[in-house]
Amino acid sequence: MNHAETHHGDGTGFDRPVGGSAIEAQGLGKKYRRGWALRDVSFRLPTGRVCGLVGPNGAGKSTLMGLATHMIRPTTGGLRVFGAAPGSTDAVLRTAFLTQEKPLFKRFTVAETLRLGHELNPRWDQEVAEGIVRAGQVPLEARIGTLSGGQRTRVAFALAFGKRPDLLILDEPMSDLDPLVRRELMATLTAEAAGHGTTVLVSSHMLAELEYICDYLLVIANGGLRLAGEVDELRAAHALFAVPPDGSRPAVAPHRVIESRSGDGRPGVLVRLGGPIEYGRQAEPPTLEELLLAYLRSPDAPPLIAPSARVGDIHDIITRDPKKAVTA
């Protein structure tokens, strides 16, 4: 196939990007002494999405985030951020990364911390940063070392948002917050994405809450990609069949069974659709949490990468139809 122009300057071997991707990975892998943390991972994250990154501990989520922010170098494959190599000036200026540890200078006051953010970031928005801090009633004159864990998290969020990034990467950022504050900051996330076109990649174990903020999804397990794509199209590619009153297995042909559910939640058989279906008494669309848990508990189920998340050559990207049905 003829390509328009090939660009190998960043060492990844990608073709020159055709807009619309915040992150694009091709054959990405990272191997440590203990084995592969990620292996042969390929996907694209379109710009302007709030994407949930989901997977069990040790699945490779933090490794993927480290690769995207140039804190880790890949063993195989490559990754780019808005078409630039991770660690390049362009990628660094457009990306903010908030880790679980939320490193801050304990001897600095909150005001000094925000001033540092102003000095280091040319697109700094002081009003946004101070607004996040003041919403939690965190005194600007207080030293970071005297703050509670939740208050330090709020200051870290203020630094991340104040940078006005095009890509905001969050690694389990709200695990130390109470539910009300989590909801408030999640609302800030969605408002940021909607108001400024910011792409957000957020790793979280709080599956039910992701349903309220995420419109995109990446699911990683055992170092590989299990699900990727628009939340709505992934859900629409599945159905949860109810168990008949006599307890027998429902007739699900021609659909592919992902998991038979019992116990907590709605009992039934979760399937990947292999043909048209009408939702009703027999079958309902799964919730996002039901879909995620089914794939995490079913390692033998084949991955599902929706069209919008697939990496292709330039011709494929230009001609891809984002409304194309997801198929097995």
Protein backbone atom coordinates (compact mmCIF):
# COMPACT_ATOMS: atom_id res chain seq x y z
CA MET A 1 0.00 0.00 0.00
CA ASN A 2 1.26 3.50 -0.80
CA HIS A 3 1.68 5.82 2.16
CA ALA A 4 1.49 9.58 1.86
CA GLU A 5 4.65 10.30 3.86
CA THR A 6 6.66 8.25 6.31
CA HIS A 7 8.29 9.78 9.38
CA HIS A 8 10.84 7.85 11.40
CA GLY A 9 12.46 10.78 13.21
CA ASP A 10 11.14 9.79 16.64
CA GLY A 11 12.47 6.25 16.33
CA THR A 12 9.07 4.59 16.60
CA GLY A 13 8.71 3.62 12.94
CA PHE A 14 5.19 5.13 12.69
CA ASP A 15 3.84 6.84 9.63
CA ARG A 16 3.27 10.56 10.04
CA PRO A 17 0.11 10.90 12.17
CA VAL A 18 -3.18 12.01 10.73
CA GLY A 19 -4.81 14.16 13.50
CA GLY A 20 -7.21 12.96 16.08
CA SER A 21 -5.04 10.73 18.27
CA ALA A 22 -3.85 11.79 21.72
CA ILE A 23 -1.98 8.50 22.25
CA GLU A 24 -1.14 5.90 19.65
CA ALA A 25 0.72 2.67 20.41
CA GLN A 26 1.94 0.04 17.96
CA GLY A 27 3.24 -3.36 19.10
CA LEU A 28 4.11 -1.83 22.47
CA GLY A 29 5.87 -4.07 24.97
CA LYS A 30 7.85 -3.73 28.20
CA LYS A 31 9.82 -6.56 29.74
CA TYR A 32 11.30 -6.57 33.23
CA ARG A 33 13.44 -9.25 34.85
CA ARG A 34 10.32 -10.94 36.20
CA GLY A 35 8.73 -11.06 32.75
CA TRP A 36 6.57 -9.04 30.40
CA ALA A 37 4.49 -6.26 31.99
CA LEU A 38 3.00 -5.35 28.59
CA ARG A 39 3.26 -7.26 25.34
CA ASP A 40 2.18 -6.44 21.78
CA VAL A 41 -0.26 -3.68 22.77
CA SER A 42 -1.66 -1.60 19.89
CA PHE A 43 -4.37 1.06 20.19
CA ARG A 44 -5.21 4.69 19.58
CA LEU A 45 -6.91 7.04 22.03
CA PRO A 46 -8.79 9.77 20.12
CA THR A 47 -8.45 13.34 21.33
CA GLY A 48 -11.05 14.87 23.64
CA ARG A 49 -12.05 11.62 25.35
CA VAL A 50 -12.26 10.81 29.04
CA CYS A 51 -10.81 7.32 29.00
CA GLY A 52 -10.90 4.83 31.85
CA LEU A 53 -7.83 2.59 32.11
CA VAL A 54 -8.92 -0.55 33.94
CA GLY A 55 -7.23 -3.75 35.03
CA PRO A 56 -6.18 -5.74 38.10
CA ASN A 57 -3.06 -4.87 40.08
CA GLY A 58 0.04 -5.81 38.11
CA ALA A 59 -1.81 -5.82 34.80
CA GLY A 60 0.43 -3.17 33.23
CA LYS A 61 -1.59 0.03 33.73
CA SER A 62 1.16 2.00 35.48
CA THR A 63 3.69 0.68 32.96
CA LEU A 64 1.57 2.02 30.10
CA MET A 65 1.31 5.41 31.79
CA GLY A 66 5.05 5.43 32.42
CA LEU A 67 5.70 4.69 28.75
CA ALA A 68 3.38 7.52 27.67
CA THR A 69 5.22 9.99 29.92
CA HIS A 70 8.75 8.78 29.06
CA MET A 71 9.40 7.61 32.62
CA ILE A 72 9.85 4.10 31.17
CA ARG A 73 11.38 3.07 27.84
CA PRO A 74 9.68 0.35 25.75
CA THR A 75 11.30 -3.01 25.05
CA THR A 76 9.41 -3.45 21.79
CA GLY A 77 7.18 -1.32 19.61
CA GLY A 78 6.58 2.38 20.02
CA LEU A 79 4.19 5.02 21.31
CA ARG A 80 3.56 8.64 20.43
CA VAL A 81 1.68 11.49 22.11
CA PHE A 82 -0.05 13.87 19.70
CA GLY A 83 2.33 12.55 17.06
CA ALA A 84 5.45 13.34 19.11
CA ALA A 85 7.84 11.02 20.91
CA PRO A 86 7.25 10.76 24.69
CA GLY A 87 9.77 12.98 26.43
CA SER A 88 10.01 15.41 23.52
CA THR A 89 9.42 19.09 24.26
CA ASP A 90 6.07 19.06 22.47
CA ALA A 91 4.81 15.99 24.35
CA VAL A 92 6.02 17.26 27.74
CA LEU A 93 4.43 20.69 27.32
CA ARG A 94 1.08 19.15 26.35
CA THR A 95 0.93 16.43 29.02
CA ALA A 96 0.30 16.49 32.77
CA PHE A 97 0.83 13.32 34.83
CA LEU A 98 -0.51 12.83 38.33
CA THR A 99 0.85 9.70 40.03
CA GLN A 100 -0.52 7.85 43.05
CA GLU A 101 2.28 9.28 45.19
CA LYS A 102 1.48 12.90 44.19
CA PRO A 103 5.02 14.20 44.91
CA LEU A 104 5.01 17.71 46.35
CA PHE A 105 7.61 19.74 48.25
CA LYS A 106 6.52 19.42 51.89
CA ARG A 107 8.22 22.65 53.00
CA PHE A 108 6.51 24.76 50.34
CA THR A 109 3.30 26.55 51.11
CA VAL A 110 0.33 25.96 48.84
CA ALA A 111 0.83 29.42 47.32
CA GLU A 112 4.53 28.69 46.67
CA THR A 113 3.59 25.39 45.05
CA LEU A 114 1.21 27.13 42.67
CA ARG A 115 3.84 29.80 41.97
CA LEU A 116 6.25 27.03 40.99
CA GLY A 117 3.63 25.68 38.63
CA HIS A 118 3.33 29.13 37.10
CA GLU A 119 7.10 29.42 36.58
CA LEU A 120 7.46 25.99 34.97
CA ASN A 121 4.42 25.99 32.65
CA PRO A 122 3.98 28.57 29.87
CA ARG A 123 0.22 27.89 29.61
CA TRP A 124 -0.39 28.15 33.36
CA ASP A 125 -3.91 29.14 34.48
CA GLN A 126 -3.69 30.57 37.99
CA GLU A 127 -7.44 31.10 38.28
CA VAL A 128 -8.21 27.44 37.63
CA ALA A 129 -5.50 26.23 40.02
CA GLU A 130 -6.54 28.53 42.87
CA GLY A 131 -10.21 27.68 42.29
CA ILE A 132 -9.58 23.96 42.87
CA VAL A 133 -7.62 24.71 46.05
CA ARG A 134 -10.15 27.19 47.44
CA ALA A 135 -13.07 24.83 46.72
CA GLY A 136 -11.58 22.49 49.31
CA GLN A 137 -10.94 25.34 51.76
CA VAL A 138 -7.20 24.63 51.70
CA PRO A 139 -5.32 27.71 53.06
CA LEU A 140 -2.85 29.12 50.55
CA GLU A 141 -0.42 29.90 53.35
CA ALA A 142 -0.43 26.33 54.74
CA ARG A 143 2.68 24.22 54.19
CA ILE A 144 2.21 21.06 52.13
CA GLY A 145 3.61 18.89 54.95
CA THR A 146 0.83 19.98 57.31
CA LEU A 147 -2.03 19.08 54.96
CA SER A 148 -4.17 15.96 55.12
CA GLY A 149 -3.88 13.35 52.37
CA GLY A 150 -7.06 14.59 50.74
CA GLN A 151 -5.87 18.21 50.83
CA ARG A 152 -2.53 17.27 49.24
CA THR A 153 -4.43 15.43 46.52
CA ARG A 154 -6.42 18.58 45.82
CA VAL A 155 -3.24 20.65 45.53
CA ALA A 156 -1.78 18.05 43.15
CA PHE A 157 -4.95 18.27 41.05
CA ALA A 158 -4.61 22.06 41.02
CA LEU A 159 -1.08 21.73 39.62
CA ALA A 160 -2.23 19.28 36.96
CA PHE A 161 -5.22 21.35 35.83
CA GLY A 162 -3.35 24.66 36.12
CA LYS A 163 -0.86 23.44 33.51
CA ARG A 164 -3.73 23.49 31.01
CA PRO A 165 -2.59 20.21 29.42
CA ASP A 166 -3.98 18.72 26.24
CA LEU A 167 -3.50 15.27 27.80
CA LEU A 168 -4.10 14.65 31.50
CA ILE A 169 -2.90 11.26 32.79
CA LEU A 170 -4.12 10.23 36.24
CA ASP A 171 -2.89 7.09 38.03
CA GLU A 172 -5.40 6.14 40.77
CA PRO A 173 -5.62 9.82 41.75
CA MET A 174 -8.62 9.77 44.09
CA SER A 175 -8.20 6.65 46.22
CA ASP A 176 -7.58 8.73 49.36
CA LEU A 177 -10.62 11.00 48.95
CA ASP A 178 -14.07 10.68 50.45
CA PRO A 179 -16.97 10.02 48.03
CA LEU A 180 -18.20 13.62 47.95
CA VAL A 181 -14.80 15.06 47.08
CA ARG A 182 -14.25 12.30 44.48
CA ARG A 183 -17.52 13.23 42.79
CA GLU A 184 -16.56 16.91 42.82
CA LEU A 185 -13.16 16.31 41.23
CA MET A 186 -14.63 13.88 38.71
CA ALA A 187 -17.08 16.61 37.71
CA THR A 188 -14.07 18.92 37.27
CA LEU A 189 -12.50 16.28 35.01
CA THR A 190 -15.51 16.05 32.73
CA ALA A 191 -15.94 19.84 32.64
CA GLU A 192 -12.25 20.22 31.69
CA ALA A 193 -12.60 17.72 28.87
CA ALA A 194 -15.80 19.31 27.58
CA GLY A 195 -14.70 22.93 27.96
CA HIS A 196 -11.14 22.72 26.68
CA GLY A 197 -11.02 19.53 24.65
CA THR A 198 -8.63 17.95 27.14
CA THR A 199 -8.01 14.23 26.71
CA VAL A 200 -8.07 12.43 30.07
CA LEU A 201 -6.62 8.97 30.75
CA VAL A 202 -7.58 7.90 34.25
CA SER A 203 -6.67 4.64 35.96
CA SER A 204 -9.11 3.56 38.66
CA HIS A 205 -10.45 0.51 40.47
CA MET A 206 -13.75 2.30 41.17
CA LEU A 207 -15.63 0.73 38.28
CA ALA A 208 -19.10 2.04 39.13
CA GLU A 209 -17.85 5.64 39.28
CA LEU A 210 -16.04 5.37 35.94
CA GLU A 211 -19.42 4.89 34.29
CA TYR A 212 -20.35 8.47 35.19
CA ILE A 213 -17.24 10.14 33.75
CA CYS A 214 -15.76 7.96 30.99
CA ASP A 215 -16.84 7.81 27.36
CA TYR A 216 -13.86 5.69 26.32
CA LEU A 217 -12.26 2.55 27.71
CA LEU A 218 -8.99 0.63 27.76
CA VAL A 219 -8.99 -2.66 29.68
CA ILE A 220 -5.66 -4.39 30.33
CA ALA A 221 -5.14 -7.83 31.89
CA ASN A 222 -2.13 -10.14 31.93
CA GLY A 223 -0.09 -7.57 30.04
CA GLY A 224 -2.45 -7.45 27.05
CA LEU A 225 -5.32 -5.31 25.81
CA ARG A 226 -8.72 -6.92 26.45
CA LEU A 227 -11.19 -4.15 25.51
CA ALA A 228 -10.75 -0.79 23.82
CA GLY A 229 -13.14 1.73 22.34
CA GLU A 230 -16.14 3.94 22.93
CA VAL A 231 -18.09 2.89 26.00
CA ASP A 232 -21.38 3.03 24.10
CA GLU A 233 -20.17 0.90 21.19
CA LEU A 234 -18.58 -1.67 23.51
CA ARG A 235 -21.77 -1.99 25.53
CA ALA A 236 -23.86 -2.19 22.35
CA ALA A 237 -21.74 -5.13 21.19
CA HIS A 238 -22.89 -7.19 24.20
CA ALA A 239 -26.05 -8.38 25.93
CA LEU A 240 -26.89 -9.95 29.27
CA PHE A 241 -29.35 -12.84 28.81
CA ALA A 242 -31.59 -13.59 31.77
CA VAL A 243 -31.67 -17.07 33.27
CA PRO A 244 -35.06 -18.75 32.62
CA PRO A 245 -37.29 -19.42 35.68
CA ASP A 246 -36.47 -23.13 35.53
CA GLY A 247 -32.76 -22.31 35.95
CA SER A 248 -31.77 -23.72 32.57
CA ARG A 249 -29.16 -22.05 30.38
CA PRO A 250 -30.73 -19.47 28.04
CA ALA A 251 -30.49 -20.02 24.30
CA VAL A 252 -27.80 -17.57 23.19
CA ALA A 253 -26.80 -18.79 19.70
CA PRO A 254 -25.34 -17.30 17.50
CA HIS A 255 -23.70 -15.13 20.16
CA ARG A 256 -20.36 -15.80 21.88
CA VAL A 257 -20.58 -16.45 25.64
CA ILE A 258 -18.17 -14.32 27.67
CA GLU A 259 -19.33 -15.19 31.18
CA SER A 260 -22.15 -16.91 33.06
CA ARG A 261 -23.05 -14.73 36.02
CA SER A 262 -24.50 -15.75 39.38
CA GLY A 263 -24.36 -14.47 42.94
CA ASP A 264 -23.88 -10.71 43.27
CA GLY A 265 -25.49 -8.43 40.71
CA ARG A 266 -27.83 -9.49 37.94
CA PRO A 267 -27.59 -13.21 37.20
CA GLY A 268 -27.43 -14.23 33.57
CA VAL A 269 -25.17 -14.98 30.63
CA LEU A 270 -23.11 -12.13 29.17
CA VAL A 271 -22.52 -12.56 25.44
CA ARG A 272 -20.75 -10.76 22.64
CA LEU A 273 -23.33 -10.31 19.92
CA GLY A 274 -22.94 -12.35 16.76
CA GLY A 275 -26.04 -11.00 15.06
CA PRO A 276 -28.99 -8.59 15.46
CA ILE A 277 -30.84 -8.55 18.77
CA GLU A 278 -33.86 -6.82 20.29
CA TYR A 279 -33.51 -5.94 23.93
CA GLY A 280 -36.45 -6.88 26.10
CA ARG A 281 -37.31 -9.38 28.81
CA GLN A 282 -34.85 -11.96 27.55
CA ALA A 283 -31.80 -9.74 27.10
CA GLU A 284 -30.63 -6.33 28.30
CA PRO A 285 -27.53 -4.29 27.60
CA PRO A 286 -24.89 -4.75 30.32
CA THR A 287 -23.80 -1.93 32.57
CA LEU A 288 -20.21 -0.78 32.19
CA GLU A 289 -19.31 -2.46 35.47
CA GLU A 290 -20.85 -5.77 34.37
CA LEU A 291 -18.94 -5.61 31.09
CA LEU A 292 -15.62 -4.81 32.75
CA LEU A 293 -15.91 -7.51 35.38
CA ALA A 294 -16.88 -10.13 32.80
CA TYR A 295 -13.75 -9.55 30.73
CA LEU A 296 -11.48 -9.32 33.76
CA ARG A 297 -12.85 -12.62 35.08
CA SER A 298 -12.74 -14.36 31.69
CA PRO A 299 -9.12 -14.41 30.49
CA ASP A 300 -9.91 -16.87 27.70
CA ALA A 301 -12.45 -14.56 26.05
CA PRO A 302 -10.95 -13.03 22.88
CA PRO A 303 -10.13 -9.30 23.04
CA LEU A 304 -12.45 -6.76 21.46
CA ILE A 305 -10.87 -3.65 19.94
CA ALA A 306 -13.49 -1.29 18.53
CA PRO A 307 -12.84 0.44 15.17
CA SER A 308 -12.16 3.82 16.79
CA ALA A 309 -9.35 2.30 18.89
CA ARG A 310 -7.60 0.37 16.13
CA VAL A 311 -4.24 1.45 14.80
CA GLY A 312 -3.85 1.30 11.03
CA ASP A 313 -1.89 2.89 8.26
CA ILE A 314 -2.78 6.33 6.91
CA HIS A 315 -5.37 4.96 4.46
CA ASP A 316 -7.10 3.03 7.24
CA ILE A 317 -7.24 6.05 9.54
CA ILE A 318 -8.66 8.36 6.87
CA THR A 319 -11.33 5.91 5.71
CA ARG A 320 -12.30 4.45 9.09
CA ASP A 321 -16.02 4.83 9.83
CA PRO A 322 -16.39 5.52 13.59
CA LYS A 323 -20.02 4.34 13.44
CA LYS A 324 -19.07 0.96 12.05
CA ALA A 325 -20.54 -1.87 14.10
CA VAL A 326 -18.24 -3.69 16.49
CA THR A 327 -17.85 -7.31 15.50
CA ALA A 328 -16.12 -10.30 16.99
